[in-house]
Amino acid sequence: MLKQVIAGTTFFRRCVSGRAELAEDRATQKAAGIKTNELRTFSPARWVGQSLTLRSFIDNLPGLRRVLLLDFHKPAGLSFAVPPAVAAAVNDGSIESTAKDLLPCLQLLFRMPASLEADASPLSSVLGLFAALYVVMRGHVFGELVETRSFASDRLVDPFCSYSQPLIFLSFYLDPFYAPCRQQIGVDLWGGEHSPTTRRRAVHIFCDSDAALEVIILPDLGSFLRQTHVRTSGMSGRLLHPETWWELYGTHWPTLHFLARRLFSLPTSSAGSERIFKALSIFLSRTRSRTLDDKVEKQWRIVANEKQLQRGDTIGDYARSPVE
């Protein structure tokens, strides 16, 4: 379905006659009070590109059908050739219904990385969003289609096991926001390994083989998990940034307090540094390539630091995304 939608969208973007007639139809509808955005294609390599292409295609479907119908009744020699795949993508009702069903799922998927790329996004959100999506996919999203449900959830497990990091796992368990998800992720998410085993390995890595420190941290971790698991819905400050939560409520576990603040100070993604490096395009470009390196560095530091100062208190102002 995605391939057919992209093929149909690309055809009407590249076909001069088809694009002109679609623009004329859009102008006619606008005069009648019906406004439709221009048909556009986006990169299919990412979920956001697929969802935006689908949204554009669905919005323009009535106009596309009118254009094909008008072209069909034109005399020979005046019409433009339409590939069968494009005609099927526009006129097939099953493709339209499938696209409408798939669109909310794709929108959710591209909002997930957008949430992880937000300022001050905690490390626990990586596993938290993944585990929550896994729980949803294992539920009744696909109704009675058990094989489809298993296939979709298994596709999530395979790539995750290839890059999972024990410290991300530990941060997930130290974030009180995700306390309701701890018991639902199950053993199968970790390739048959129980979560206590993974937690102990994460603590061992963090302690750098310091057995005495492990003996202190593990009981504190067990106490924290038991206390936060009870009545999680009424827990104070659960929607705060986890670093702020530990600063306010984590004094009962002094060793975990230090560990949690270290973990939640780590960036979730490289989005922040990429935003800063984009400032370089102001001073270094194809038309401005002879500036001395020292001058470029000074100008870049001024712009980068100004952007950081404008962000204010990213930890204090942090709010959980609607996706989470």
Protein backbone atom coordinates (compact mmCIF):
# COMPACT_ATOMS: atom_id res chain seq x y z
CA MET A 1 0.00 0.00 0.00
CA LEU A 2 2.81 2.41 0.87
CA LYS A 3 4.56 1.68 -2.42
CA GLN A 4 1.37 2.32 -4.40
CA VAL A 5 0.64 5.55 -2.53
CA ILE A 6 4.18 6.83 -3.09
CA ALA A 7 4.01 5.79 -6.77
CA GLY A 8 0.74 7.67 -7.26
CA THR A 9 1.99 10.76 -5.44
CA THR A 10 5.29 10.80 -7.34
CA PHE A 11 3.50 10.43 -10.69
CA PHE A 12 1.27 13.44 -10.13
CA ARG A 13 4.24 15.46 -8.91
CA ARG A 14 6.33 14.70 -12.02
CA CYS A 15 3.67 14.50 -14.75
CA VAL A 16 3.30 18.04 -16.10
CA SER A 17 -0.24 17.55 -17.40
CA GLY A 18 -1.42 15.70 -14.30
CA ARG A 19 0.09 18.28 -11.95
CA ALA A 20 -1.46 21.16 -13.91
CA GLU A 21 -4.95 19.61 -13.93
CA LEU A 22 -4.71 18.81 -10.23
CA ALA A 23 -3.71 22.43 -9.51
CA GLU A 24 -6.67 23.64 -11.61
CA ASP A 25 -9.03 21.35 -9.70
CA ARG A 26 -7.61 22.58 -6.39
CA ALA A 27 -8.19 26.21 -7.45
CA THR A 28 -11.78 25.40 -8.42
CA GLN A 29 -12.43 23.77 -5.05
CA LYS A 30 -10.83 26.71 -3.24
CA ALA A 31 -13.21 29.10 -5.02
CA ALA A 32 -16.06 26.94 -3.72
CA GLY A 33 -14.72 27.20 -0.15
CA ILE A 34 -12.91 23.83 0.00
CA LYS A 35 -9.20 24.29 0.62
CA THR A 36 -6.74 21.44 0.03
CA ASN A 37 -2.99 21.57 0.51
CA GLU A 38 -0.72 20.85 -2.42
CA LEU A 39 0.14 17.20 -3.09
CA ARG A 40 3.66 16.62 -1.79
CA THR A 41 6.11 13.76 -1.38
CA PHE A 42 8.41 13.27 1.59
CA SER A 43 11.32 10.96 2.24
CA PRO A 44 9.96 7.41 2.67
CA ALA A 45 13.06 6.40 4.63
CA ARG A 46 11.60 7.68 7.91
CA TRP A 47 8.23 7.24 9.59
CA VAL A 48 7.61 10.97 9.52
CA GLY A 49 8.07 11.05 5.72
CA GLN A 50 5.72 8.10 5.20
CA SER A 51 3.01 9.60 7.42
CA LEU A 52 3.21 13.04 5.77
CA THR A 53 3.03 11.47 2.29
CA LEU A 54 -0.01 9.43 3.36
CA ARG A 55 -1.70 12.49 4.84
CA SER A 56 -1.11 14.50 1.65
CA PHE A 57 -2.36 11.63 -0.54
CA ILE A 58 -5.56 11.11 1.49
CA ASP A 59 -6.37 14.83 1.46
CA ASN A 60 -5.95 15.01 -2.33
CA LEU A 61 -7.79 11.77 -3.19
CA PRO A 62 -11.08 13.44 -4.24
CA GLY A 63 -9.19 15.78 -6.57
CA LEU A 64 -7.06 12.95 -7.96
CA ARG A 65 -10.18 10.93 -8.77
CA ARG A 66 -11.81 13.88 -10.51
CA VAL A 67 -8.66 14.44 -12.58
CA LEU A 68 -8.52 10.78 -13.66
CA LEU A 69 -12.21 10.75 -14.48
CA LEU A 70 -11.92 13.91 -16.58
CA ASP A 71 -8.84 12.55 -18.34
CA PHE A 72 -10.64 9.28 -19.10
CA HIS A 73 -13.38 11.13 -21.04
CA LYS A 74 -10.98 13.28 -23.06
CA PRO A 75 -10.52 12.56 -26.79
CA ALA A 76 -7.54 10.49 -27.84
CA GLY A 77 -4.40 12.53 -28.10
CA LEU A 78 -5.46 15.05 -25.46
CA SER A 79 -5.27 12.75 -22.43
CA PHE A 80 -2.09 11.73 -20.62
CA ALA A 81 -1.06 8.13 -20.01
CA VAL A 82 -1.70 6.91 -16.46
CA PRO A 83 0.14 3.77 -15.28
CA PRO A 84 -2.16 1.00 -13.97
CA ALA A 85 -0.47 1.12 -10.54
CA VAL A 86 -1.25 4.84 -10.22
CA ALA A 87 -4.87 4.35 -11.30
CA ALA A 88 -5.24 1.51 -8.78
CA ALA A 89 -3.74 3.62 -5.98
CA VAL A 90 -6.24 6.42 -6.64
CA ASN A 91 -9.40 4.42 -7.36
CA ASP A 92 -8.99 1.34 -5.17
CA GLY A 93 -11.11 1.79 -2.03
CA SER A 94 -9.16 -0.84 -0.11
CA ILE A 95 -5.94 1.17 -0.49
CA GLU A 96 -7.70 4.27 0.84
CA SER A 97 -9.10 2.42 3.86
CA THR A 98 -5.75 0.78 4.59
CA ALA A 99 -3.98 4.15 4.37
CA LYS A 100 -6.46 5.72 6.80
CA ASP A 101 -6.00 2.81 9.22
CA LEU A 102 -2.21 2.98 9.01
CA LEU A 103 -1.88 6.76 9.32
CA PRO A 104 -2.44 7.01 13.12
CA CYS A 105 0.13 4.27 13.71
CA LEU A 106 2.76 6.01 11.56
CA GLN A 107 2.03 9.34 13.24
CA LEU A 108 2.59 7.72 16.63
CA LEU A 109 5.87 6.16 15.46
CA PHE A 110 7.34 9.44 14.20
CA ARG A 111 6.24 11.25 17.38
CA MET A 112 8.25 8.76 19.42
CA PRO A 113 11.69 9.78 18.08
CA ALA A 114 10.54 13.41 18.18
CA SER A 115 9.91 12.94 21.91
CA LEU A 116 13.37 11.43 22.38
CA GLU A 117 14.98 14.36 20.55
CA ALA A 118 13.34 16.95 22.80
CA ASP A 119 15.45 19.08 25.12
CA ALA A 120 16.34 17.31 28.40
CA SER A 121 14.62 14.08 27.37
CA PRO A 122 15.61 11.54 30.09
CA LEU A 123 17.52 8.38 29.26
CA SER A 124 14.65 6.27 30.61
CA SER A 125 12.38 7.42 27.77
CA VAL A 126 14.34 5.29 25.28
CA LEU A 127 13.29 2.05 26.90
CA GLY A 128 10.06 3.46 28.31
CA LEU A 129 8.59 4.36 24.92
CA PHE A 130 9.84 1.10 23.44
CA ALA A 131 8.40 -1.04 26.25
CA ALA A 132 5.07 0.79 26.18
CA LEU A 133 4.80 0.31 22.41
CA TYR A 134 5.66 -3.36 22.88
CA VAL A 135 2.88 -3.75 25.45
CA VAL A 136 0.40 -2.07 23.11
CA MET A 137 1.42 -4.27 20.17
CA ARG A 138 1.05 -7.39 22.30
CA GLY A 139 -2.48 -6.29 23.21
CA HIS A 140 -5.56 -6.31 21.01
CA VAL A 141 -4.51 -3.72 18.45
CA PHE A 142 -4.95 -6.31 15.69
CA GLY A 143 -8.09 -7.89 17.15
CA GLU A 144 -8.15 -11.64 16.71
CA LEU A 145 -5.15 -11.74 14.34
CA VAL A 146 -2.79 -13.48 16.75
CA GLU A 147 -0.14 -14.19 14.11
CA THR A 148 -0.08 -10.54 13.01
CA ARG A 149 0.19 -9.40 16.63
CA SER A 150 3.10 -11.76 17.32
CA PHE A 151 4.86 -10.78 14.09
CA ALA A 152 4.62 -7.04 14.84
CA SER A 153 5.83 -7.37 18.44
CA ASP A 154 8.68 -9.71 17.47
CA ARG A 155 9.91 -7.16 14.91
CA LEU A 156 10.31 -4.74 17.82
CA VAL A 157 12.27 -7.21 19.96
CA ASP A 158 14.86 -8.23 17.37
CA PRO A 159 16.40 -4.78 16.69
CA PHE A 160 16.18 -3.76 20.34
CA CYS A 161 18.20 -6.75 21.57
CA SER A 162 20.98 -5.79 19.13
CA TYR A 163 21.61 -2.36 20.71
CA SER A 164 20.14 -2.57 24.22
CA GLN A 165 22.33 -0.98 26.87
CA PRO A 166 22.14 -2.14 30.52
CA LEU A 167 22.41 1.44 31.80
CA ILE A 168 19.35 2.42 29.72
CA PHE A 169 17.57 -0.53 31.32
CA LEU A 170 18.62 0.66 34.79
CA SER A 171 17.46 4.22 34.11
CA PHE A 172 14.06 2.83 33.08
CA TYR A 173 13.69 1.19 36.48
CA LEU A 174 14.85 4.33 38.32
CA ASP A 175 12.21 6.52 36.64
CA PRO A 176 9.00 6.45 38.75
CA PHE A 177 6.96 7.58 35.73
CA TYR A 178 7.30 4.11 34.16
CA ALA A 179 6.50 2.16 37.31
CA PRO A 180 3.18 0.85 35.88
CA CYS A 181 5.05 -0.68 32.89
CA ARG A 182 7.65 -2.64 34.86
CA GLN A 183 5.52 -5.69 35.46
CA GLN A 184 4.02 -5.76 31.94
CA ILE A 185 7.09 -5.91 29.72
CA GLY A 186 7.59 -9.59 30.50
CA VAL A 187 10.58 -11.85 30.15
CA ASP A 188 10.34 -12.29 26.38
CA LEU A 189 11.32 -8.67 25.73
CA TRP A 190 14.88 -9.50 26.77
CA GLY A 191 15.28 -12.69 24.79
CA GLY A 192 14.32 -14.97 27.66
CA GLU A 193 16.43 -13.21 30.30
CA HIS A 194 14.68 -12.13 33.49
CA SER A 195 14.70 -8.41 34.29
CA PRO A 196 16.40 -8.86 37.73
CA THR A 197 19.38 -10.45 35.95
CA THR A 198 19.65 -7.50 33.56
CA ARG A 199 19.34 -5.03 36.44
CA ARG A 200 22.12 -6.73 38.39
CA ARG A 201 24.37 -6.65 35.32
CA ALA A 202 23.64 -2.95 34.86
CA VAL A 203 24.52 -2.24 38.48
CA HIS A 204 27.70 -4.30 38.09
CA ILE A 205 28.73 -2.23 35.04
CA PHE A 206 27.97 1.04 36.80
CA CYS A 207 29.94 0.03 39.92
CA ASP A 208 32.93 -1.04 37.80
CA SER A 209 33.41 -4.34 39.71
CA ASP A 210 33.24 -2.63 43.13
CA ALA A 211 31.59 -5.44 45.12
CA ALA A 212 31.14 -3.32 48.25
CA LEU A 213 29.24 -0.67 46.30
CA GLU A 214 27.03 -3.32 44.67
CA VAL A 215 26.09 -4.67 48.11
CA ILE A 216 24.87 -1.17 49.02
CA ILE A 217 23.05 -0.36 45.80
CA LEU A 218 21.10 -3.59 45.23
CA PRO A 219 19.09 -3.46 48.53
CA ASP A 220 18.36 0.24 47.97
CA LEU A 221 17.18 -0.54 44.45
CA GLY A 222 14.87 -3.27 45.74
CA SER A 223 13.43 -0.90 48.35
CA PHE A 224 12.89 1.82 45.75
CA LEU A 225 11.11 -0.54 43.33
CA ARG A 226 8.80 -1.87 46.05
CA GLN A 227 7.86 1.59 47.27
CA THR A 228 7.27 3.13 43.84
CA HIS A 229 5.30 0.12 42.61
CA VAL A 230 2.62 0.67 45.25
CA ARG A 231 0.01 3.32 44.38
CA THR A 232 1.97 4.69 41.46
CA SER A 233 -0.98 6.75 40.26
CA GLY A 234 -0.91 8.90 43.42
CA MET A 235 2.85 9.29 43.65
CA SER A 236 3.95 12.89 44.11
CA GLY A 237 5.83 14.49 41.25
CA ARG A 238 5.67 11.48 38.93
CA LEU A 239 5.38 13.74 35.87
CA LEU A 240 8.53 15.69 36.76
CA HIS A 241 11.83 15.16 35.02
CA PRO A 242 13.35 12.13 36.81
CA GLU A 243 16.43 14.15 37.79
CA THR A 244 14.14 16.68 39.51
CA TRP A 245 12.15 13.87 41.12
CA TRP A 246 15.28 12.33 42.61
CA GLU A 247 16.42 15.73 43.84
CA LEU A 248 13.11 16.25 45.66
CA TYR A 249 12.08 12.76 46.77
CA GLY A 250 15.14 10.54 46.42
CA THR A 251 16.88 11.35 49.70
CA HIS A 252 15.61 8.07 51.22
CA TRP A 253 18.06 6.21 49.01
CA PRO A 254 21.30 8.25 49.15
CA THR A 255 23.40 5.85 47.07
CA LEU A 256 20.73 5.51 44.38
CA HIS A 257 20.33 9.29 44.52
CA PHE A 258 23.86 9.75 43.23
CA LEU A 259 23.49 6.98 40.64
CA ALA A 260 20.16 8.28 39.31
CA ARG A 261 21.37 11.85 38.92
CA ARG A 262 24.37 10.61 36.95
CA LEU A 263 22.17 8.54 34.62
CA PHE A 264 19.53 11.20 34.05
CA SER A 265 22.12 13.83 33.20
CA LEU A 266 23.16 11.83 30.12
CA PRO A 267 21.66 12.96 26.78
CA THR A 268 19.15 10.63 25.16
CA SER A 269 20.24 11.40 21.61
CA SER A 270 22.67 13.54 19.64
CA ALA A 271 19.87 15.92 18.60
CA GLY A 272 21.10 18.68 20.94
CA SER A 273 24.64 18.67 19.61
CA GLU A 274 23.34 18.50 16.03
CA ARG A 275 21.28 21.63 16.64
CA ILE A 276 24.40 23.43 17.87
CA PHE A 277 26.48 22.31 14.90
CA LYS A 278 23.83 23.66 12.55
CA ALA A 279 25.00 27.11 13.64
CA LEU A 280 28.19 26.44 11.66
CA SER A 281 26.21 26.74 8.41
CA ILE A 282 25.85 30.46 9.14
CA PHE A 283 29.61 31.00 8.99
CA LEU A 284 30.79 28.17 6.74
CA SER A 285 29.09 27.59 3.40
CA ARG A 286 29.94 27.24 -0.28
CA THR A 287 29.70 31.00 -0.74
CA ARG A 288 31.58 31.78 2.46
CA SER A 289 34.54 29.41 2.73
CA ARG A 290 37.56 31.69 3.17
CA THR A 291 36.92 32.89 6.72
CA LEU A 292 39.81 32.18 9.06
CA ASP A 293 39.35 29.24 11.40
CA ASP A 294 39.84 31.32 14.55
CA LYS A 295 37.17 33.79 13.48
CA VAL A 296 34.74 30.99 12.59
CA GLU A 297 35.23 29.37 15.98
CA LYS A 298 34.60 32.64 17.84
CA GLN A 299 31.47 33.43 15.85
CA TRP A 300 30.20 29.88 16.22
CA ARG A 301 30.71 29.92 20.01
CA ILE A 302 28.76 33.18 20.31
CA VAL A 303 25.78 31.81 18.38
CA ALA A 304 25.86 28.38 20.08
CA ASN A 305 26.09 29.84 23.59
CA GLU A 306 23.35 32.36 22.84
CA LYS A 307 21.04 29.53 21.77
CA GLN A 308 21.81 27.62 24.96
CA LEU A 309 21.14 30.66 27.15
CA GLN A 310 17.79 31.19 25.44
CA ARG A 311 16.69 27.66 26.35
CA GLY A 312 16.50 28.53 30.03
CA ASP A 313 16.06 25.77 32.62
CA THR A 314 15.39 22.77 30.38
CA ILE A 315 15.23 20.36 33.35
CA GLY A 316 12.87 22.51 35.39
CA ASP A 317 10.61 23.31 32.43
CA TYR A 318 10.54 19.72 31.19
CA ALA A 319 7.13 18.14 30.61
CA ARG A 320 6.30 14.58 29.54
CA SER A 321 5.21 14.41 25.93
CA PRO A 322 1.62 13.36 25.09
CA VAL A 323 3.10 10.24 23.44
CA GLU A 324 4.60 9.10 26.73
